[in-house]
Amino acid sequence: MQRRITALSITSLSLALPPNVHSPYYYDIVGNVSTSRFRPSTPAVTAGKLPSQRKGAGYSLLELIPRYPLMGGWNYTFTIGYDAPWGII
């Protein structure tokens, strides 16, 4: 009986970003990371308060699928960033 060894790989990344961020960017040395989906946070219902006092504004979600699956031991350098209103972070 032969045991099959399964390779561990990362096929996607889900990143929780602070509330109210916009215009996320992500790239590697070749260019844009292949596929993505950005889900912004829902706006807070308490207008007029400082961002640190707002309740109900959850995290934004950035989902990335790299150009190819990342295997254990591989080095893959990429950059992730976003724009945010002043004072929310």
C-alpha atoms as a PDB file:
ATOM      1  CA  MET A   1       0.000   0.000   0.000  1.00  0.00           C
ATOM      2  CA  GLN A   2       1.404   3.369  -1.020  1.00  0.00           C
ATOM      3  CA  ARG A   3       0.592   6.507   0.861  1.00  0.00           C
ATOM      4  CA  ARG A   4       0.055   9.515  -1.276  1.00  0.00           C
ATOM      5  CA  ILE A   5       1.820  12.614  -0.009  1.00  0.00           C
ATOM      6  CA  THR A   6      -0.272  15.723  -0.463  1.00  0.00           C
ATOM      7  CA  ALA A   7       1.424  19.017  -1.147  1.00  0.00           C
ATOM      8  CA  LEU A   8       0.400  21.986   0.942  1.00  0.00           C
ATOM      9  CA  SER A   9      -0.246  25.123  -1.027  1.00  0.00           C
ATOM     10  CA  ILE A  10      -1.895  28.506  -0.622  1.00  0.00           C
ATOM     11  CA  THR A  11      -4.383  29.197  -3.389  1.00  0.00           C
ATOM     12  CA  SER A  12      -5.960  32.359  -1.945  1.00  0.00           C
ATOM     13  CA  LEU A  13      -5.550  34.971   0.791  1.00  0.00           C
ATOM     14  CA  SER A  14      -8.277  36.777   2.741  1.00  0.00           C
ATOM     15  CA  LEU A  15      -7.142  39.947   4.487  1.00  0.00           C
ATOM     16  CA  ALA A  16      -9.166  41.945   7.020  1.00  0.00           C
ATOM     17  CA  LEU A  17      -8.517  45.661   6.496  1.00  0.00           C
ATOM     18  CA  PRO A  18      -9.609  48.533   8.756  1.00  0.00           C
ATOM     19  CA  PRO A  19     -13.111  49.982   8.288  1.00  0.00           C
ATOM     20  CA  ASN A  20     -13.699  52.721   5.694  1.00  0.00           C
ATOM     21  CA  VAL A  21     -10.608  52.008   3.573  1.00  0.00           C
ATOM     22  CA  HIS A  22     -10.863  52.330  -0.202  1.00  0.00           C
ATOM     23  CA  SER A  23      -8.804  51.879  -3.355  1.00  0.00           C
ATOM     24  CA  PRO A  24      -6.780  48.835  -2.294  1.00  0.00           C
ATOM     25  CA  TYR A  25      -3.768  47.977  -4.434  1.00  0.00           C
ATOM     26  CA  TYR A  26      -1.708  44.832  -4.676  1.00  0.00           C
ATOM     27  CA  TYR A  27       1.108  43.893  -6.985  1.00  0.00           C
ATOM     28  CA  ASP A  28       4.160  41.695  -7.316  1.00  0.00           C
ATOM     29  CA  ILE A  29       7.340  42.258  -9.319  1.00  0.00           C
ATOM     30  CA  VAL A  30       5.609  41.223 -12.550  1.00  0.00           C
ATOM     31  CA  GLY A  31       2.528  43.396 -12.058  1.00  0.00           C
ATOM     32  CA  ASN A  32      -0.958  43.026 -10.635  1.00  0.00           C
ATOM     33  CA  VAL A  33      -1.770  39.949  -8.545  1.00  0.00           C
ATOM     34  CA  SER A  34      -4.064  37.866 -10.739  1.00  0.00           C
ATOM     35  CA  THR A  35      -7.558  37.979  -9.225  1.00  0.00           C
ATOM     36  CA  SER A  36      -9.123  39.941  -6.396  1.00  0.00           C
ATOM     37  CA  ARG A  37     -12.359  40.941  -4.717  1.00  0.00           C
ATOM     38  CA  PHE A  38     -12.717  43.905  -2.366  1.00  0.00           C
ATOM     39  CA  ARG A  39     -15.644  44.087   0.034  1.00  0.00           C
ATOM     40  CA  PRO A  40     -15.751  47.463   1.793  1.00  0.00           C
ATOM     41  CA  SER A  41     -17.096  47.740   5.325  1.00  0.00           C
ATOM     42  CA  THR A  42     -20.652  48.855   5.886  1.00  0.00           C
ATOM     43  CA  PRO A  43     -20.930  52.506   6.903  1.00  0.00           C
ATOM     44  CA  ALA A  44     -21.542  53.259  10.552  1.00  0.00           C
ATOM     45  CA  VAL A  45     -25.064  54.378  11.416  1.00  0.00           C
ATOM     46  CA  THR A  46     -23.905  56.918  14.001  1.00  0.00           C
ATOM     47  CA  ALA A  47     -23.046  59.966  11.927  1.00  0.00           C
ATOM     48  CA  GLY A  48     -21.261  62.891  13.528  1.00  0.00           C
ATOM     49  CA  LYS A  49     -19.067  60.853  15.879  1.00  0.00           C
ATOM     50  CA  LEU A  50     -15.342  60.363  15.672  1.00  0.00           C
ATOM     51  CA  PRO A  51     -14.338  57.177  13.800  1.00  0.00           C
ATOM     52  CA  SER A  52     -13.017  55.635  17.034  1.00  0.00           C
ATOM     53  CA  GLN A  53     -16.467  56.126  18.635  1.00  0.00           C
ATOM     54  CA  ARG A  54     -18.496  54.570  15.819  1.00  0.00           C
ATOM     55  CA  LYS A  55     -20.059  51.189  16.384  1.00  0.00           C
ATOM     56  CA  GLY A  56     -21.149  48.811  13.649  1.00  0.00           C
ATOM     57  CA  ALA A  57     -18.479  49.647  11.086  1.00  0.00           C
ATOM     58  CA  GLY A  58     -16.864  46.260  10.514  1.00  0.00           C
ATOM     59  CA  TYR A  59     -13.659  45.419   8.759  1.00  0.00           C
ATOM     60  CA  SER A  60     -13.239  45.580   4.999  1.00  0.00           C
ATOM     61  CA  LEU A  61     -12.252  42.336   3.307  1.00  0.00           C
ATOM     62  CA  LEU A  62      -9.691  41.947   0.520  1.00  0.00           C
ATOM     63  CA  GLU A  63      -9.570  38.530  -1.129  1.00  0.00           C
ATOM     64  CA  LEU A  64      -6.597  37.757  -3.391  1.00  0.00           C
ATOM     65  CA  ILE A  65      -5.805  34.804  -5.620  1.00  0.00           C
ATOM     66  CA  PRO A  66      -2.088  34.773  -6.489  1.00  0.00           C
ATOM     67  CA  ARG A  67      -0.864  34.279 -10.046  1.00  0.00           C
ATOM     68  CA  TYR A  68      -0.045  30.652  -9.175  1.00  0.00           C
ATOM     69  CA  PRO A  69      -0.538  28.513  -6.031  1.00  0.00           C
ATOM     70  CA  LEU A  70       2.192  29.112  -3.452  1.00  0.00           C
ATOM     71  CA  MET A  71       3.923  25.949  -2.348  1.00  0.00           C
ATOM     72  CA  GLY A  72       5.685  25.438   0.982  1.00  0.00           C
ATOM     73  CA  GLY A  73       9.188  26.907   1.040  1.00  0.00           C
ATOM     74  CA  TRP A  74       8.628  29.239  -1.924  1.00  0.00           C
ATOM     75  CA  ASN A  75       9.416  32.923  -1.621  1.00  0.00           C
ATOM     76  CA  TYR A  76       6.808  35.211  -3.144  1.00  0.00           C
ATOM     77  CA  THR A  77       7.117  38.928  -2.528  1.00  0.00           C
ATOM     78  CA  PHE A  78       4.147  41.194  -3.094  1.00  0.00           C
ATOM     79  CA  THR A  79       2.854  44.551  -1.849  1.00  0.00           C
ATOM     80  CA  ILE A  80      -0.596  45.357  -0.471  1.00  0.00           C
ATOM     81  CA  GLY A  81      -1.799  48.854   0.367  1.00  0.00           C
ATOM     82  CA  TYR A  82      -4.931  50.988   0.543  1.00  0.00           C
ATOM     83  CA  ASP A  83      -6.176  54.546   0.958  1.00  0.00           C
ATOM     84  CA  ALA A  84      -7.967  55.578   4.139  1.00  0.00           C
ATOM     85  CA  PRO A  85      -9.578  58.754   5.460  1.00  0.00           C
ATOM     86  CA  TRP A  86      -7.340  60.738   7.789  1.00  0.00           C
ATOM     87  CA  GLY A  87      -7.435  59.611  11.422  1.00  0.00           C
ATOM     88  CA  ILE A  88      -9.258  56.269  11.173  1.00  0.00           C
ATOM     89  CA  ILE A  89      -6.294  53.995  11.764  1.00  0.00           C
END
